[in-house]
């Protein structure tokens, strides 16, 4: 399956935690068919704040509301670092 790049908005309050590696999970509505190996490019108020790889996708019925996913993510080094 071909890797996708997901451009997602994120609140500025989470940027520091993402960049420092403290935030390694993202819960989202599953409207994009997220898959392991896909990339997420986070955008905070028009500024690209980095690039992460999805390492695991947790879906319903494992404790999440139907239609939502929990994404385990890791920062990709050497891409974009705001």
PDB file of N, CA and C in Angstrom:
ATOM      1  N   UNK A   1       0.836  -1.177   0.000  1.00  0.00           N
ATOM      2  CA  UNK A   1       0.000   0.000   0.000  1.00  0.00           C
ATOM      3  C   UNK A   1       0.890   1.253   0.000  1.00  0.00           C
ATOM      4  N   UNK A   2       0.527   2.243  -0.766  1.00  0.00           N
ATOM      5  CA  UNK A   2       1.313   3.457  -0.895  1.00  0.00           C
ATOM      6  C   UNK A   2       1.191   4.332   0.359  1.00  0.00           C
ATOM      7  N   UNK A   3       2.322   4.856   0.808  1.00  0.00           N
ATOM      8  CA  UNK A   3       2.356   5.739   1.963  1.00  0.00           C
ATOM      9  C   UNK A   3       1.669   7.051   1.620  1.00  0.00           C
ATOM     10  N   UNK A   4       0.848   7.545   2.566  1.00  0.00           N
ATOM     11  CA  UNK A   4       0.169   8.826   2.398  1.00  0.00           C
ATOM     12  C   UNK A   4       0.815   9.869   3.294  1.00  0.00           C
ATOM     13  N   UNK A   5       0.658  11.115   2.921  1.00  0.00           N
ATOM     14  CA  UNK A   5       1.064  12.233   3.757  1.00  0.00           C
ATOM     15  C   UNK A   5      -0.209  12.961   4.176  1.00  0.00           C
ATOM     16  N   UNK A   6      -0.390  13.091   5.485  1.00  0.00           N
ATOM     17  CA  UNK A   6      -1.565  13.753   6.037  1.00  0.00           C
ATOM     18  C   UNK A   6      -1.134  15.110   6.589  1.00  0.00           C
ATOM     19  N   UNK A   7      -1.682  16.176   6.055  1.00  0.00           N
ATOM     20  CA  UNK A   7      -1.420  17.523   6.550  1.00  0.00           C
ATOM     21  C   UNK A   7      -2.512  17.866   7.550  1.00  0.00           C
ATOM     22  N   UNK A   8      -2.130  17.973   8.819  1.00  0.00           N
ATOM     23  CA  UNK A   8      -3.103  18.178   9.881  1.00  0.00           C
ATOM     24  C   UNK A   8      -2.816  19.449  10.663  1.00  0.00           C
ATOM     25  N   UNK A   9      -3.879  20.138  11.039  1.00  0.00           N
ATOM     26  CA  UNK A   9      -3.734  21.301  11.899  1.00  0.00           C
ATOM     27  C   UNK A   9      -3.578  20.811  13.339  1.00  0.00           C
ATOM     28  N   UNK A  10      -2.775  21.530  14.103  1.00  0.00           N
ATOM     29  CA  UNK A  10      -2.586  21.218  15.516  1.00  0.00           C
ATOM     30  C   UNK A  10      -2.518  22.528  16.283  1.00  0.00           C
ATOM     31  N   UNK A  11      -3.071  22.518  17.471  1.00  0.00           N
ATOM     32  CA  UNK A  11      -3.055  23.708  18.316  1.00  0.00           C
ATOM     33  C   UNK A  11      -1.629  24.007  18.769  1.00  0.00           C
ATOM     34  N   UNK A  12      -1.280  25.281  18.811  1.00  0.00           N
ATOM     35  CA  UNK A  12       0.073  25.676  19.214  1.00  0.00           C
ATOM     36  C   UNK A  12       0.445  25.146  20.594  1.00  0.00           C
ATOM     37  N   UNK A  13      -0.540  24.901  21.438  1.00  0.00           N
ATOM     38  CA  UNK A  13      -0.280  24.404  22.793  1.00  0.00           C
ATOM     39  C   UNK A  13       0.421  23.046  22.787  1.00  0.00           C
ATOM     40  N   UNK A  14       0.303  22.284  21.703  1.00  0.00           N
ATOM     41  CA  UNK A  14       0.884  20.944  21.642  1.00  0.00           C
ATOM     42  C   UNK A  14       2.222  20.876  20.910  1.00  0.00           C
ATOM     43  N   UNK A  15       2.626  21.963  20.274  1.00  0.00           N
ATOM     44  CA  UNK A  15       3.836  21.941  19.457  1.00  0.00           C
ATOM     45  C   UNK A  15       5.078  21.601  20.273  1.00  0.00           C
ATOM     46  N   UNK A  16       5.257  22.232  21.417  1.00  0.00           N
ATOM     47  CA  UNK A  16       6.444  21.963  22.233  1.00  0.00           C
ATOM     48  C   UNK A  16       6.505  20.484  22.620  1.00  0.00           C
ATOM     49  N   UNK A  17       5.385  19.933  23.080  1.00  0.00           N
ATOM     50  CA  UNK A  17       5.352  18.524  23.479  1.00  0.00           C
ATOM     51  C   UNK A  17       5.658  17.602  22.307  1.00  0.00           C
ATOM     52  N   UNK A  18       5.173  17.945  21.125  1.00  0.00           N
ATOM     53  CA  UNK A  18       5.483  17.147  19.941  1.00  0.00           C
ATOM     54  C   UNK A  18       6.970  17.222  19.616  1.00  0.00           C
ATOM     55  N   UNK A  19       7.494  18.435  19.554  1.00  0.00           N
ATOM     56  CA  UNK A  19       8.895  18.631  19.164  1.00  0.00           C
ATOM     57  C   UNK A  19       9.869  17.995  20.151  1.00  0.00           C
ATOM     58  N   UNK A  20       9.526  18.014  21.441  1.00  0.00           N
ATOM     59  CA  UNK A  20      10.399  17.449  22.471  1.00  0.00           C
ATOM     60  C   UNK A  20      10.217  15.941  22.637  1.00  0.00           C
ATOM     61  N   UNK A  21       9.246  15.368  21.949  1.00  0.00           N
ATOM     62  CA  UNK A  21       9.028  13.926  22.027  1.00  0.00           C
ATOM     63  C   UNK A  21       8.197  13.483  23.215  1.00  0.00           C
ATOM     64  N   UNK A  22       7.581  14.422  23.926  1.00  0.00           N
ATOM     65  CA  UNK A  22       6.736  14.073  25.071  1.00  0.00           C
ATOM     66  C   UNK A  22       5.360  13.586  24.627  1.00  0.00           C
ATOM     67  N   UNK A  23       4.931  14.038  23.487  1.00  0.00           N
ATOM     68  CA  UNK A  23       3.627  13.633  22.935  1.00  0.00           C
ATOM     69  C   UNK A  23       3.897  12.658  21.803  1.00  0.00           C
ATOM     70  N   UNK A  24       3.516  11.413  22.013  1.00  0.00           N
ATOM     71  CA  UNK A  24       3.784  10.385  21.007  1.00  0.00           C
ATOM     72  C   UNK A  24       2.506   9.690  20.543  1.00  0.00           C
ATOM     73  N   UNK A  25       1.371  10.309  20.833  1.00  0.00           N
ATOM     74  CA  UNK A  25       0.087   9.734  20.442  1.00  0.00           C
ATOM     75  C   UNK A  25      -0.841  10.866  20.001  1.00  0.00           C
ATOM     76  N   UNK A  26      -1.650  10.591  19.021  1.00  0.00           N
ATOM     77  CA  UNK A  26      -2.592  11.579  18.500  1.00  0.00           C
ATOM     78  C   UNK A  26      -3.930  10.878  18.306  1.00  0.00           C
ATOM     79  N   UNK A  27      -5.006  11.417  18.878  1.00  0.00           N
ATOM     80  CA  UNK A  27      -6.347  10.868  18.695  1.00  0.00           C
ATOM     81  C   UNK A  27      -7.062  11.748  17.680  1.00  0.00           C
ATOM     82  N   UNK A  28      -7.574  11.119  16.647  1.00  0.00           N
ATOM     83  CA  UNK A  28      -8.217  11.851  15.550  1.00  0.00           C
ATOM     84  C   UNK A  28      -9.459  11.117  15.069  1.00  0.00           C
ATOM     85  N   UNK A  29     -10.370  11.860  14.460  1.00  0.00           N
ATOM     86  CA  UNK A  29     -11.483  11.260  13.736  1.00  0.00           C
ATOM     87  C   UNK A  29     -10.883  10.553  12.526  1.00  0.00           C
ATOM     88  N   UNK A  30     -11.301   9.331  12.282  1.00  0.00           N
ATOM     89  CA  UNK A  30     -10.690   8.524  11.220  1.00  0.00           C
ATOM     90  C   UNK A  30     -11.355   8.773   9.869  1.00  0.00           C
ATOM     91  N   UNK A  31     -11.148   9.968   9.353  1.00  0.00           N
ATOM     92  CA  UNK A  31     -11.728  10.326   8.057  1.00  0.00           C
ATOM     93  C   UNK A  31     -10.691  10.301   6.938  1.00  0.00           C
ATOM     94  N   UNK A  32      -9.483   9.773   7.238  1.00  0.00           N
ATOM     95  CA  UNK A  32      -8.389   9.807   6.257  1.00  0.00           C
ATOM     96  C   UNK A  32      -7.760   8.434   6.008  1.00  0.00           C
ATOM     97  N   UNK A  33      -8.325   7.386   6.568  1.00  0.00           N
ATOM     98  CA  UNK A  33      -7.777   6.038   6.408  1.00  0.00           C
ATOM     99  C   UNK A  33      -6.301   5.986   6.804  1.00  0.00           C
ATOM    100  N   UNK A  34      -6.006   6.431   8.029  1.00  0.00           N
ATOM    101  CA  UNK A  34      -4.637   6.430   8.542  1.00  0.00           C
ATOM    102  C   UNK A  34      -4.080   5.008   8.550  1.00  0.00           C
ATOM    103  N   UNK A  35      -2.819   4.852   8.140  1.00  0.00           N
ATOM    104  CA  UNK A  35      -2.167   3.557   8.097  1.00  0.00           C
ATOM    105  C   UNK A  35      -0.758   3.657   8.684  1.00  0.00           C
ATOM    106  N   UNK A  36      -0.286   2.557   9.251  1.00  0.00           N
ATOM    107  CA  UNK A  36       1.088   2.486   9.734  1.00  0.00           C
ATOM    108  C   UNK A  36       2.029   2.821   8.574  1.00  0.00           C
ATOM    109  N   UNK A  37       3.016   3.673   8.835  1.00  0.00           N
ATOM    110  CA  UNK A  37       3.972   4.078   7.800  1.00  0.00           C
ATOM    111  C   UNK A  37       3.630   5.392   7.133  1.00  0.00           C
ATOM    112  N   UNK A  38       2.372   5.841   7.253  1.00  0.00           N
ATOM    113  CA  UNK A  38       2.000   7.140   6.702  1.00  0.00           C
ATOM    114  C   UNK A  38       2.728   8.245   7.464  1.00  0.00           C
ATOM    115  N   UNK A  39       2.821   9.419   6.847  1.00  0.00           N
ATOM    116  CA  UNK A  39       3.436  10.580   7.494  1.00  0.00           C
ATOM    117  C   UNK A  39       2.375  11.595   7.875  1.00  0.00           C
ATOM    118  N   UNK A  40       2.633  12.303   8.977  1.00  0.00           N
ATOM    119  CA  UNK A  40       1.800  13.421   9.391  1.00  0.00           C
ATOM    120  C   UNK A  40       2.670  14.661   9.400  1.00  0.00           C
ATOM    121  N   UNK A  41       2.214  15.697   8.718  1.00  0.00           N
ATOM    122  CA  UNK A  41       2.861  17.000   8.761  1.00  0.00           C
ATOM    123  C   UNK A  41       1.933  17.908   9.557  1.00  0.00           C
ATOM    124  N   UNK A  42       2.379  18.331  10.730  1.00  0.00           N
ATOM    125  CA  UNK A  42       1.564  19.178  11.593  1.00  0.00           C
ATOM    126  C   UNK A  42       1.733  20.639  11.221  1.00  0.00           C
ATOM    127  N   UNK A  43       0.629  21.350  11.171  1.00  0.00           N
ATOM    128  CA  UNK A  43       0.602  22.771  10.842  1.00  0.00           C
ATOM    129  C   UNK A  43      -0.033  23.515  12.012  1.00  0.00           C
ATOM    130  N   UNK A  44       0.691  24.480  12.555  1.00  0.00           N
ATOM    131  CA  UNK A  44       0.170  25.328  13.628  1.00  0.00           C
ATOM    132  C   UNK A  44       0.085  26.760  13.112  1.00  0.00           C
ATOM    133  N   UNK A  45      -1.106  27.207  12.865  1.00  0.00           N
ATOM    134  CA  UNK A  45      -1.342  28.577  12.379  1.00  0.00           C
ATOM    135  C   UNK A  45      -0.523  28.916  11.141  1.00  0.00           C
ATOM    136  N   UNK A  46      -0.496  28.014  10.176  1.00  0.00           N
ATOM    137  CA  UNK A  46       0.175  28.276   8.912  1.00  0.00           C
ATOM    138  C   UNK A  46       1.657  27.989   8.895  1.00  0.00           C
ATOM    139  N   UNK A  47       2.198  27.511  10.010  1.00  0.00           N
ATOM    140  CA  UNK A  47       3.631  27.209  10.076  1.00  0.00           C
ATOM    141  C   UNK A  47       3.822  25.699  10.246  1.00  0.00           C
ATOM    142  N   UNK A  48       4.517  25.078   9.300  1.00  0.00           N
ATOM    143  CA  UNK A  48       4.806  23.658   9.393  1.00  0.00           C
ATOM    144  C   UNK A  48       5.721  23.420  10.581  1.00  0.00           C
ATOM    145  N   UNK A  49       5.300  22.533  11.457  1.00  0.00           N
ATOM    146  CA  UNK A  49       6.023  22.343  12.717  1.00  0.00           C
ATOM    147  C   UNK A  49       6.742  21.013  12.803  1.00  0.00           C
ATOM    148  N   UNK A  50       6.804  20.272  11.743  1.00  0.00           N
ATOM    149  CA  UNK A  50       7.542  19.027  11.755  1.00  0.00           C
ATOM    150  C   UNK A  50       6.829  17.908  11.022  1.00  0.00           C
ATOM    151  N   UNK A  51       7.479  16.767  11.021  1.00  0.00           N
ATOM    152  CA  UNK A  51       6.989  15.605  10.286  1.00  0.00           C
ATOM    153  C   UNK A  51       7.118  14.369  11.161  1.00  0.00           C
ATOM    154  N   UNK A  52       6.039  13.593  11.260  1.00  0.00           N
ATOM    155  CA  UNK A  52       6.017  12.397  12.085  1.00  0.00           C
ATOM    156  C   UNK A  52       5.541  11.207  11.265  1.00  0.00           C
ATOM    157  N   UNK A  53       5.990  10.036  11.666  1.00  0.00           N
ATOM    158  CA  UNK A  53       5.559   8.789  11.035  1.00  0.00           C
ATOM    159  C   UNK A  53       4.594   8.074  11.963  1.00  0.00           C
ATOM    160  N   UNK A  54       3.528   7.516  11.396  1.00  0.00           N
ATOM    161  CA  UNK A  54       2.586   6.711  12.175  1.00  0.00           C
ATOM    162  C   UNK A  54       3.199   5.329  12.362  1.00  0.00           C
ATOM    163  N   UNK A  55       3.368   4.923  13.627  1.00  0.00           N
ATOM    164  CA  UNK A  55       3.975   3.629  13.915  1.00  0.00           C
ATOM    165  C   UNK A  55       2.946   2.583  14.342  1.00  0.00           C
ATOM    166  N   UNK A  56       1.741   3.023  14.718  1.00  0.00           N
ATOM    167  CA  UNK A  56       0.686   2.086  15.127  1.00  0.00           C
ATOM    168  C   UNK A  56      -0.652   2.797  15.039  1.00  0.00           C
ATOM    169  N   UNK A  57      -1.693   2.076  14.639  1.00  0.00           N
ATOM    170  CA  UNK A  57      -3.039   2.631  14.556  1.00  0.00           C
ATOM    171  C   UNK A  57      -3.965   1.768  15.413  1.00  0.00           C
ATOM    172  N   UNK A  58      -4.566   2.392  16.430  1.00  0.00           N
ATOM    173  CA  UNK A  58      -5.519   1.708  17.310  1.00  0.00           C
ATOM    174  C   UNK A  58      -6.914   2.158  16.915  1.00  0.00           C
ATOM    175  N   UNK A  59      -7.793   1.197  16.637  1.00  0.00           N
ATOM    176  CA  UNK A  59      -9.136   1.530  16.153  1.00  0.00           C
ATOM    177  C   UNK A  59     -10.211   0.940  17.056  1.00  0.00           C
ATOM    178  N   UNK A  60     -11.444   1.331  16.816  1.00  0.00           N
ATOM    179  CA  UNK A  60     -12.618   0.773  17.463  1.00  0.00           C
ATOM    180  C   UNK A  60     -12.657  -0.715  17.172  1.00  0.00           C
ATOM    181  N   UNK A  61     -13.012  -1.596  18.051  1.00  0.00           N
ATOM    182  CA  UNK A  61     -13.672  -1.435  19.346  1.00  0.00           C
ATOM    183  C   UNK A  61     -12.720  -1.553  20.539  1.00  0.00           C
ATOM    184  N   UNK A  62     -11.545  -1.072  20.470  1.00  0.00           N
ATOM    185  CA  UNK A  62     -10.565  -1.246  21.548  1.00  0.00           C
ATOM    186  C   UNK A  62     -10.557  -0.070  22.517  1.00  0.00           C
ATOM    187  N   UNK A  63     -11.715   0.381  22.954  1.00  0.00           N
ATOM    188  CA  UNK A  63     -11.799   1.443  23.930  1.00  0.00           C
ATOM    189  C   UNK A  63     -11.997   2.826  23.350  1.00  0.00           C
ATOM    190  N   UNK A  64     -12.056   2.933  22.037  1.00  0.00           N
ATOM    191  CA  UNK A  64     -12.273   4.224  21.393  1.00  0.00           C
ATOM    192  C   UNK A  64     -13.698   4.315  20.876  1.00  0.00           C
ATOM    193  N   UNK A  65     -14.188   5.536  20.790  1.00  0.00           N
ATOM    194  CA  UNK A  65     -15.490   5.766  20.196  1.00  0.00           C
ATOM    195  C   UNK A  65     -15.425   5.393  18.712  1.00  0.00           C
ATOM    196  N   UNK A  66     -16.481   4.784  18.217  1.00  0.00           N
ATOM    197  CA  UNK A  66     -16.537   4.393  16.806  1.00  0.00           C
ATOM    198  C   UNK A  66     -16.244   5.600  15.915  1.00  0.00           C
ATOM    199  N   UNK A  67     -15.356   5.405  14.946  1.00  0.00           N
ATOM    200  CA  UNK A  67     -15.002   6.464  14.013  1.00  0.00           C
ATOM    201  C   UNK A  67     -13.734   7.208  14.379  1.00  0.00           C
ATOM    202  N   UNK A  68     -13.131   6.875  15.528  1.00  0.00           N
ATOM    203  CA  UNK A  68     -11.903   7.540  15.966  1.00  0.00           C
ATOM    204  C   UNK A  68     -10.738   6.556  15.999  1.00  0.00           C
ATOM    205  N   UNK A  69      -9.524   7.089  15.906  1.00  0.00           N
ATOM    206  CA  UNK A  69      -8.312   6.279  16.001  1.00  0.00           C
ATOM    207  C   UNK A  69      -7.329   6.955  16.949  1.00  0.00           C
ATOM    208  N   UNK A  70      -6.493   6.143  17.565  1.00  0.00           N
ATOM    209  CA  UNK A  70      -5.350   6.643  18.325  1.00  0.00           C
ATOM    210  C   UNK A  70      -4.124   6.270  17.508  1.00  0.00           C
ATOM    211  N   UNK A  71      -3.315   7.254  17.176  1.00  0.00           N
ATOM    212  CA  UNK A  71      -2.142   7.048  16.342  1.00  0.00           C
ATOM    213  C   UNK A  71      -0.887   7.167  17.192  1.00  0.00           C
ATOM    214  N   UNK A  72      -0.057   6.133  17.198  1.00  0.00           N
ATOM    215  CA  UNK A  72       1.266   6.254  17.795  1.00  0.00           C
ATOM    216  C   UNK A  72       2.151   6.881  16.736  1.00  0.00           C
ATOM    217  N   UNK A  73       2.921   7.902  17.142  1.00  0.00           N
ATOM    218  CA  UNK A  73       3.734   8.634  16.174  1.00  0.00           C
ATOM    219  C   UNK A  73       5.160   8.813  16.679  1.00  0.00           C
ATOM    220  N   UNK A  74       6.091   8.887  15.719  1.00  0.00           N
ATOM    221  CA  UNK A  74       7.481   9.200  16.065  1.00  0.00           C
ATOM    222  C   UNK A  74       7.976  10.258  15.094  1.00  0.00           C
ATOM    223  N   UNK A  75       8.773  11.161  15.614  1.00  0.00           N
ATOM    224  CA  UNK A  75       9.296  12.238  14.789  1.00  0.00           C
ATOM    225  C   UNK A  75      10.304  11.690  13.791  1.00  0.00           C
ATOM    226  N   UNK A  76      10.215  12.178  12.560  1.00  0.00           N
ATOM    227  CA  UNK A  76      11.192  11.828  11.533  1.00  0.00           C
ATOM    228  C   UNK A  76      12.286  12.871  11.594  1.00  0.00           C
ATOM    229  N   UNK A  77      13.479  12.440  11.796  1.00  0.00           N
ATOM    230  CA  UNK A  77      14.624  13.358  11.927  1.00  0.00           C
ATOM    231  C   UNK A  77      15.033  13.922  10.570  1.00  0.00           C
ATOM    232  N   UNK A  78      15.491  15.163  10.584  1.00  0.00           N
ATOM    233  CA  UNK A  78      16.065  15.768   9.396  1.00  0.00           C
ATOM    234  C   UNK A  78      15.084  16.252   8.361  1.00  0.00           C
ATOM    235  N   UNK A  79      13.792  16.274   8.679  1.00  0.00           N
ATOM    236  CA  UNK A  79      12.826  16.779   7.698  1.00  0.00           C
ATOM    237  C   UNK A  79      12.643  18.272   7.953  1.00  0.00           C
ATOM    238  N   UNK A  80      11.590  18.654   8.639  1.00  0.00           N
ATOM    239  CA  UNK A  80      11.312  20.056   8.951  1.00  0.00           C
ATOM    240  C   UNK A  80      11.291  20.181  10.446  1.00  0.00           C
ATOM    241  N   UNK A  81      11.992  21.152  10.989  1.00  0.00           N
ATOM    242  CA  UNK A  81      11.996  21.375  12.430  1.00  0.00           C
ATOM    243  C   UNK A  81      11.891  22.857  12.695  1.00  0.00           C
ATOM    244  N   UNK A  82      10.684  23.269  13.046  1.00  0.00           N
ATOM    245  CA  UNK A  82      10.446  24.706  13.270  1.00  0.00           C
ATOM    246  C   UNK A  82      10.979  25.134  14.617  1.00  0.00           C
TER     247      UNK A  82
END
